[in-house]
């Protein structure tokens, strides 16, 4: 469920709880720095990045790999 500021905090807490312990803080920090990027766990981890002509979806089995890829993409912008 989306709220005015993004996504339902209860839903984000559930996804954060699915994060490996060593990546949970990194996921929270990433969300604070990039509120426009939606990250969910739907079997693999998925991130949706808004783009001018639509959106880009990145899928990785490991959260660490997803966050690494997102850092690469967003740092290049």
PDB file of N, CA and C in Angstrom:
ATOM      1  N   UNK A   1       0.831  -1.176   0.000  1.00  0.00           N
ATOM      2  CA  UNK A   1       0.000   0.000   0.000  1.00  0.00           C
ATOM      3  C   UNK A   1       0.876   1.241   0.000  1.00  0.00           C
ATOM      4  N   UNK A   2       0.638   2.143  -0.932  1.00  0.00           N
ATOM      5  CA  UNK A   2       1.418   3.372  -1.003  1.00  0.00           C
ATOM      6  C   UNK A   2       0.823   4.440  -0.102  1.00  0.00           C
ATOM      7  N   UNK A   3       1.692   5.203   0.507  1.00  0.00           N
ATOM      8  CA  UNK A   3       1.255   6.352   1.276  1.00  0.00           C
ATOM      9  C   UNK A   3       1.761   7.590   0.554  1.00  0.00           C
ATOM     10  N   UNK A   4       1.441   8.761   1.073  1.00  0.00           N
ATOM     11  CA  UNK A   4       1.891   9.985   0.419  1.00  0.00           C
ATOM     12  C   UNK A   4       3.411  10.051   0.333  1.00  0.00           C
ATOM     13  N   UNK A   5       4.098   9.512   1.308  1.00  0.00           N
ATOM     14  CA  UNK A   5       5.554   9.580   1.346  1.00  0.00           C
ATOM     15  C   UNK A   5       6.218   8.369   0.710  1.00  0.00           C
ATOM     16  N   UNK A   6       5.463   7.460   0.148  1.00  0.00           N
ATOM     17  CA  UNK A   6       6.071   6.287  -0.468  1.00  0.00           C
ATOM     18  C   UNK A   6       5.272   5.046  -0.206  1.00  0.00           C
ATOM     19  N   UNK A   7       5.813   4.158   0.636  1.00  0.00           N
ATOM     20  CA  UNK A   7       5.189   2.871   0.883  1.00  0.00           C
ATOM     21  C   UNK A   7       4.828   2.710   2.344  1.00  0.00           C
ATOM     22  N   UNK A   8       3.900   1.829   2.598  1.00  0.00           N
ATOM     23  CA  UNK A   8       3.424   1.558   3.944  1.00  0.00           C
ATOM     24  C   UNK A   8       4.598   1.128   4.830  1.00  0.00           C
ATOM     25  N   UNK A   9       4.862   1.835   5.933  1.00  0.00           N
ATOM     26  CA  UNK A   9       5.981   1.484   6.802  1.00  0.00           C
ATOM     27  C   UNK A   9       5.903   0.048   7.328  1.00  0.00           C
ATOM     28  N   UNK A  10       4.704  -0.463   7.554  1.00  0.00           N
ATOM     29  CA  UNK A  10       4.568  -1.842   8.040  1.00  0.00           C
ATOM     30  C   UNK A  10       5.072  -2.826   6.996  1.00  0.00           C
ATOM     31  N   UNK A  11       4.784  -2.568   5.730  1.00  0.00           N
ATOM     32  CA  UNK A  11       5.261  -3.441   4.655  1.00  0.00           C
ATOM     33  C   UNK A  11       6.782  -3.380   4.562  1.00  0.00           C
ATOM     34  N   UNK A  12       7.344  -2.184   4.665  1.00  0.00           N
ATOM     35  CA  UNK A  12       8.801  -2.058   4.610  1.00  0.00           C
ATOM     36  C   UNK A  12       9.455  -2.768   5.782  1.00  0.00           C
ATOM     37  N   UNK A  13       8.835  -2.738   6.957  1.00  0.00           N
ATOM     38  CA  UNK A  13       9.388  -3.435   8.121  1.00  0.00           C
ATOM     39  C   UNK A  13       9.436  -4.931   7.885  1.00  0.00           C
ATOM     40  N   UNK A  14       8.424  -5.486   7.236  1.00  0.00           N
ATOM     41  CA  UNK A  14       8.415  -6.920   6.927  1.00  0.00           C
ATOM     42  C   UNK A  14       9.542  -7.246   5.959  1.00  0.00           C
ATOM     43  N   UNK A  15       9.709  -6.433   4.921  1.00  0.00           N
ATOM     44  CA  UNK A  15      10.784  -6.677   3.957  1.00  0.00           C
ATOM     45  C   UNK A  15      12.134  -6.537   4.645  1.00  0.00           C
ATOM     46  N   UNK A  16      12.289  -5.523   5.494  1.00  0.00           N
ATOM     47  CA  UNK A  16      13.541  -5.357   6.229  1.00  0.00           C
ATOM     48  C   UNK A  16      13.827  -6.578   7.097  1.00  0.00           C
ATOM     49  N   UNK A  17      12.793  -7.174   7.678  1.00  0.00           N
ATOM     50  CA  UNK A  17      12.968  -8.351   8.521  1.00  0.00           C
ATOM     51  C   UNK A  17      13.461  -9.541   7.713  1.00  0.00           C
ATOM     52  N   UNK A  18      13.167  -9.550   6.417  1.00  0.00           N
ATOM     53  CA  UNK A  18      13.637 -10.632   5.543  1.00  0.00           C
ATOM     54  C   UNK A  18      15.098 -10.449   5.148  1.00  0.00           C
ATOM     55  N   UNK A  19      15.623  -9.270   5.387  1.00  0.00           N
ATOM     56  CA  UNK A  19      16.999  -8.973   4.999  1.00  0.00           C
ATOM     57  C   UNK A  19      17.975  -9.719   5.893  1.00  0.00           C
ATOM     58  N   UNK A  20      19.043 -10.251   5.318  1.00  0.00           N
ATOM     59  CA  UNK A  20      20.075 -10.871   6.143  1.00  0.00           C
ATOM     60  C   UNK A  20      20.599  -9.853   7.167  1.00  0.00           C
ATOM     61  N   UNK A  21      20.929 -10.312   8.335  1.00  0.00           N
ATOM     62  CA  UNK A  21      21.341  -9.428   9.425  1.00  0.00           C
ATOM     63  C   UNK A  21      22.466  -8.478   9.013  1.00  0.00           C
ATOM     64  N   UNK A  22      23.415  -8.962   8.228  1.00  0.00           N
ATOM     65  CA  UNK A  22      24.542  -8.115   7.843  1.00  0.00           C
ATOM     66  C   UNK A  22      24.165  -7.086   6.779  1.00  0.00           C
ATOM     67  N   UNK A  23      22.969  -7.170   6.194  1.00  0.00           N
ATOM     68  CA  UNK A  23      22.553  -6.240   5.146  1.00  0.00           C
ATOM     69  C   UNK A  23      21.372  -5.358   5.555  1.00  0.00           C
ATOM     70  N   UNK A  24      20.748  -5.617   6.695  1.00  0.00           N
ATOM     71  CA  UNK A  24      19.552  -4.876   7.106  1.00  0.00           C
ATOM     72  C   UNK A  24      19.829  -3.380   7.249  1.00  0.00           C
ATOM     73  N   UNK A  25      20.921  -3.010   7.892  1.00  0.00           N
ATOM     74  CA  UNK A  25      21.251  -1.589   8.048  1.00  0.00           C
ATOM     75  C   UNK A  25      21.562  -0.952   6.696  1.00  0.00           C
ATOM     76  N   UNK A  26      22.238  -1.690   5.849  1.00  0.00           N
ATOM     77  CA  UNK A  26      22.548  -1.170   4.513  1.00  0.00           C
ATOM     78  C   UNK A  26      21.259  -0.914   3.722  1.00  0.00           C
ATOM     79  N   UNK A  27      20.295  -1.836   3.820  1.00  0.00           N
ATOM     80  CA  UNK A  27      19.021  -1.669   3.135  1.00  0.00           C
ATOM     81  C   UNK A  27      18.290  -0.432   3.663  1.00  0.00           C
ATOM     82  N   UNK A  28      18.246  -0.253   4.963  1.00  0.00           N
ATOM     83  CA  UNK A  28      17.581   0.920   5.537  1.00  0.00           C
ATOM     84  C   UNK A  28      18.267   2.214   5.095  1.00  0.00           C
ATOM     85  N   UNK A  29      19.584   2.223   5.092  1.00  0.00           N
ATOM     86  CA  UNK A  29      20.335   3.406   4.667  1.00  0.00           C
ATOM     87  C   UNK A  29      20.075   3.709   3.192  1.00  0.00           C
ATOM     88  N   UNK A  30      20.050   2.658   2.363  1.00  0.00           N
ATOM     89  CA  UNK A  30      19.777   2.847   0.943  1.00  0.00           C
ATOM     90  C   UNK A  30      18.389   3.454   0.751  1.00  0.00           C
ATOM     91  N   UNK A  31      17.402   2.949   1.487  1.00  0.00           N
ATOM     92  CA  UNK A  31      16.031   3.466   1.369  1.00  0.00           C
ATOM     93  C   UNK A  31      15.953   4.940   1.774  1.00  0.00           C
ATOM     94  N   UNK A  32      16.706   5.324   2.797  1.00  0.00           N
ATOM     95  CA  UNK A  32      16.714   6.747   3.200  1.00  0.00           C
ATOM     96  C   UNK A  32      17.324   7.615   2.103  1.00  0.00           C
ATOM     97  N   UNK A  33      18.397   7.130   1.484  1.00  0.00           N
ATOM     98  CA  UNK A  33      19.103   7.906   0.469  1.00  0.00           C
ATOM     99  C   UNK A  33      18.395   7.915  -0.882  1.00  0.00           C
ATOM    100  N   UNK A  34      17.603   6.875  -1.168  1.00  0.00           N
ATOM    101  CA  UNK A  34      16.942   6.734  -2.468  1.00  0.00           C
ATOM    102  C   UNK A  34      15.480   6.334  -2.286  1.00  0.00           C
ATOM    103  N   UNK A  35      14.653   7.228  -1.752  1.00  0.00           N
ATOM    104  CA  UNK A  35      13.248   6.876  -1.508  1.00  0.00           C
ATOM    105  C   UNK A  35      12.455   6.591  -2.780  1.00  0.00           C
ATOM    106  N   UNK A  36      12.973   7.006  -3.926  1.00  0.00           N
ATOM    107  CA  UNK A  36      12.282   6.764  -5.196  1.00  0.00           C
ATOM    108  C   UNK A  36      12.404   5.323  -5.678  1.00  0.00           C
ATOM    109  N   UNK A  37      13.345   4.569  -5.121  1.00  0.00           N
ATOM    110  CA  UNK A  37      13.569   3.183  -5.536  1.00  0.00           C
ATOM    111  C   UNK A  37      12.776   2.251  -4.624  1.00  0.00           C
ATOM    112  N   UNK A  38      11.956   1.414  -5.233  1.00  0.00           N
ATOM    113  CA  UNK A  38      11.168   0.434  -4.478  1.00  0.00           C
ATOM    114  C   UNK A  38      11.939  -0.882  -4.439  1.00  0.00           C
ATOM    115  N   UNK A  39      12.146  -1.423  -3.252  1.00  0.00           N
ATOM    116  CA  UNK A  39      12.814  -2.719  -3.091  1.00  0.00           C
ATOM    117  C   UNK A  39      11.853  -3.649  -2.377  1.00  0.00           C
ATOM    118  N   UNK A  40      11.622  -4.813  -2.976  1.00  0.00           N
ATOM    119  CA  UNK A  40      10.745  -5.814  -2.364  1.00  0.00           C
ATOM    120  C   UNK A  40      11.415  -7.177  -2.431  1.00  0.00           C
ATOM    121  N   UNK A  41      10.919  -8.091  -1.625  1.00  0.00           N
ATOM    122  CA  UNK A  41      11.385  -9.477  -1.694  1.00  0.00           C
ATOM    123  C   UNK A  41      10.222 -10.301  -2.197  1.00  0.00           C
ATOM    124  N   UNK A  42      10.359 -10.791  -3.407  1.00  0.00           N
ATOM    125  CA  UNK A  42       9.301 -11.545  -4.074  1.00  0.00           C
ATOM    126  C   UNK A  42       9.931 -12.841  -4.568  1.00  0.00           C
ATOM    127  N   UNK A  43      10.431 -13.647  -3.660  1.00  0.00           N
ATOM    128  CA  UNK A  43      11.294 -14.813  -3.915  1.00  0.00           C
ATOM    129  C   UNK A  43      12.692 -14.265  -4.130  1.00  0.00           C
ATOM    130  N   UNK A  44      13.080 -13.779  -5.339  1.00  0.00           N
ATOM    131  CA  UNK A  44      14.338 -13.019  -5.365  1.00  0.00           C
ATOM    132  C   UNK A  44      14.048 -11.587  -4.914  1.00  0.00           C
ATOM    133  N   UNK A  45      15.079 -10.828  -4.633  1.00  0.00           N
ATOM    134  CA  UNK A  45      14.944  -9.415  -4.310  1.00  0.00           C
ATOM    135  C   UNK A  45      14.753  -8.644  -5.607  1.00  0.00           C
ATOM    136  N   UNK A  46      13.847  -7.672  -5.595  1.00  0.00           N
ATOM    137  CA  UNK A  46      13.584  -6.862  -6.783  1.00  0.00           C
ATOM    138  C   UNK A  46      13.637  -5.382  -6.418  1.00  0.00           C
ATOM    139  N   UNK A  47      14.218  -4.598  -7.310  1.00  0.00           N
ATOM    140  CA  UNK A  47      14.225  -3.146  -7.146  1.00  0.00           C
ATOM    141  C   UNK A  47      13.650  -2.533  -8.414  1.00  0.00           C
ATOM    142  N   UNK A  48      12.815  -1.528  -8.241  1.00  0.00           N
ATOM    143  CA  UNK A  48      12.245  -0.802  -9.364  1.00  0.00           C
ATOM    144  C   UNK A  48      12.727   0.637  -9.289  1.00  0.00           C
ATOM    145  N   UNK A  49      13.406   1.061 -10.350  1.00  0.00           N
ATOM    146  CA  UNK A  49      13.974   2.400 -10.420  1.00  0.00           C
ATOM    147  C   UNK A  49      13.171   3.193 -11.448  1.00  0.00           C
ATOM    148  N   UNK A  50      12.578   4.319 -11.050  1.00  0.00           N
ATOM    149  CA  UNK A  50      11.870   5.141 -12.029  1.00  0.00           C
ATOM    150  C   UNK A  50      12.857   5.765 -13.013  1.00  0.00           C
ATOM    151  N   UNK A  51      12.458   5.820 -14.272  1.00  0.00           N
ATOM    152  CA  UNK A  51      13.267   6.437 -15.315  1.00  0.00           C
ATOM    153  C   UNK A  51      12.368   7.353 -16.132  1.00  0.00           C
ATOM    154  N   UNK A  52      12.922   8.283 -16.882  1.00  0.00           N
ATOM    155  CA  UNK A  52      12.106   9.234 -17.639  1.00  0.00           C
ATOM    156  C   UNK A  52      11.100   8.572 -18.584  1.00  0.00           C
ATOM    157  N   UNK A  53      11.459   7.433 -19.151  1.00  0.00           N
ATOM    158  CA  UNK A  53      10.576   6.771 -20.119  1.00  0.00           C
ATOM    159  C   UNK A  53       9.896   5.526 -19.550  1.00  0.00           C
ATOM    160  N   UNK A  54       9.869   5.385 -18.238  1.00  0.00           N
ATOM    161  CA  UNK A  54       9.230   4.212 -17.616  1.00  0.00           C
ATOM    162  C   UNK A  54       9.935   3.849 -16.331  1.00  0.00           C
ATOM    163  N   UNK A  55      10.344   2.597 -16.247  1.00  0.00           N
ATOM    164  CA  UNK A  55      11.056   2.143 -15.052  1.00  0.00           C
ATOM    165  C   UNK A  55      11.970   0.985 -15.412  1.00  0.00           C
ATOM    166  N   UNK A  56      12.955   0.756 -14.564  1.00  0.00           N
ATOM    167  CA  UNK A  56      13.897  -0.340 -14.731  1.00  0.00           C
ATOM    168  C   UNK A  56      13.760  -1.249 -13.526  1.00  0.00           C
ATOM    169  N   UNK A  57      13.710  -2.557 -13.764  1.00  0.00           N
ATOM    170  CA  UNK A  57      13.628  -3.525 -12.674  1.00  0.00           C
ATOM    171  C   UNK A  57      14.911  -4.338 -12.636  1.00  0.00           C
ATOM    172  N   UNK A  58      15.488  -4.429 -11.460  1.00  0.00           N
ATOM    173  CA  UNK A  58      16.708  -5.204 -11.218  1.00  0.00           C
ATOM    174  C   UNK A  58      16.327  -6.343 -10.288  1.00  0.00           C
ATOM    175  N   UNK A  59      16.752  -7.562 -10.623  1.00  0.00           N
ATOM    176  CA  UNK A  59      16.415  -8.745  -9.820  1.00  0.00           C
ATOM    177  C   UNK A  59      17.705  -9.487  -9.465  1.00  0.00           C
ATOM    178  N   UNK A  60      17.852  -9.812  -8.200  1.00  0.00           N
ATOM    179  CA  UNK A  60      18.998 -10.601  -7.726  1.00  0.00           C
ATOM    180  C   UNK A  60      18.521 -11.518  -6.609  1.00  0.00           C
ATOM    181  N   UNK A  61      19.112 -12.686  -6.496  1.00  0.00           N
ATOM    182  CA  UNK A  61      18.761 -13.617  -5.426  1.00  0.00           C
ATOM    183  C   UNK A  61      19.297 -13.158  -4.091  1.00  0.00           C
ATOM    184  N   UNK A  62      20.435 -12.503  -4.082  1.00  0.00           N
ATOM    185  CA  UNK A  62      21.054 -12.052  -2.838  1.00  0.00           C
ATOM    186  C   UNK A  62      20.876 -10.542  -2.687  1.00  0.00           C
ATOM    187  N   UNK A  63      20.459 -10.095  -1.511  1.00  0.00           N
ATOM    188  CA  UNK A  63      20.271  -8.673  -1.265  1.00  0.00           C
ATOM    189  C   UNK A  63      21.575  -7.913  -1.463  1.00  0.00           C
ATOM    190  N   UNK A  64      22.672  -8.452  -1.010  1.00  0.00           N
ATOM    191  CA  UNK A  64      23.976  -7.790  -1.163  1.00  0.00           C
ATOM    192  C   UNK A  64      24.257  -7.507  -2.644  1.00  0.00           C
ATOM    193  N   UNK A  65      23.984  -8.480  -3.502  1.00  0.00           N
ATOM    194  CA  UNK A  65      24.222  -8.303  -4.937  1.00  0.00           C
ATOM    195  C   UNK A  65      23.293  -7.237  -5.525  1.00  0.00           C
ATOM    196  N   UNK A  66      22.039  -7.215  -5.061  1.00  0.00           N
ATOM    197  CA  UNK A  66      21.096  -6.205  -5.535  1.00  0.00           C
ATOM    198  C   UNK A  66      21.569  -4.807  -5.136  1.00  0.00           C
ATOM    199  N   UNK A  67      21.930  -4.632  -3.877  1.00  0.00           N
ATOM    200  CA  UNK A  67      22.384  -3.324  -3.415  1.00  0.00           C
ATOM    201  C   UNK A  67      23.683  -2.910  -4.100  1.00  0.00           C
ATOM    202  N   UNK A  68      24.579  -3.858  -4.353  1.00  0.00           N
ATOM    203  CA  UNK A  68      25.811  -3.543  -5.084  1.00  0.00           C
ATOM    204  C   UNK A  68      25.480  -3.016  -6.486  1.00  0.00           C
ATOM    205  N   UNK A  69      24.554  -3.692  -7.171  1.00  0.00           N
ATOM    206  CA  UNK A  69      24.178  -3.286  -8.529  1.00  0.00           C
ATOM    207  C   UNK A  69      23.486  -1.925  -8.515  1.00  0.00           C
ATOM    208  N   UNK A  70      22.609  -1.708  -7.548  1.00  0.00           N
ATOM    209  CA  UNK A  70      21.939  -0.413  -7.446  1.00  0.00           C
ATOM    210  C   UNK A  70      22.947   0.701  -7.190  1.00  0.00           C
ATOM    211  N   UNK A  71      23.915   0.452  -6.332  1.00  0.00           N
ATOM    212  CA  UNK A  71      24.961   1.449  -6.088  1.00  0.00           C
ATOM    213  C   UNK A  71      25.699   1.775  -7.381  1.00  0.00           C
ATOM    214  N   UNK A  72      26.031   0.750  -8.164  1.00  0.00           N
ATOM    215  CA  UNK A  72      26.718   0.972  -9.444  1.00  0.00           C
ATOM    216  C   UNK A  72      25.875   1.842 -10.374  1.00  0.00           C
ATOM    217  N   UNK A  73      24.606   1.491 -10.517  1.00  0.00           N
ATOM    218  CA  UNK A  73      23.718   2.219 -11.434  1.00  0.00           C
ATOM    219  C   UNK A  73      23.464   3.653 -10.979  1.00  0.00           C
ATOM    220  N   UNK A  74      23.181   3.833  -9.712  1.00  0.00           N
ATOM    221  CA  UNK A  74      22.818   5.162  -9.230  1.00  0.00           C
ATOM    222  C   UNK A  74      24.027   6.065  -9.044  1.00  0.00           C
ATOM    223  N   UNK A  75      25.198   5.508  -8.799  1.00  0.00           N
ATOM    224  CA  UNK A  75      26.413   6.322  -8.687  1.00  0.00           C
ATOM    225  C   UNK A  75      26.859   6.805 -10.069  1.00  0.00           C
ATOM    226  N   UNK A  76      26.490   6.062 -11.119  1.00  0.00           N
ATOM    227  CA  UNK A  76      26.880   6.432 -12.479  1.00  0.00           C
ATOM    228  C   UNK A  76      26.048   7.595 -13.009  1.00  0.00           C
ATOM    229  N   UNK A  77      24.914   7.870 -12.358  1.00  0.00           N
ATOM    230  CA  UNK A  77      24.025   8.957 -12.830  1.00  0.00           C
ATOM    231  C   UNK A  77      24.534  10.314 -12.445  1.00  0.00           C
TER     232      UNK A  77
END
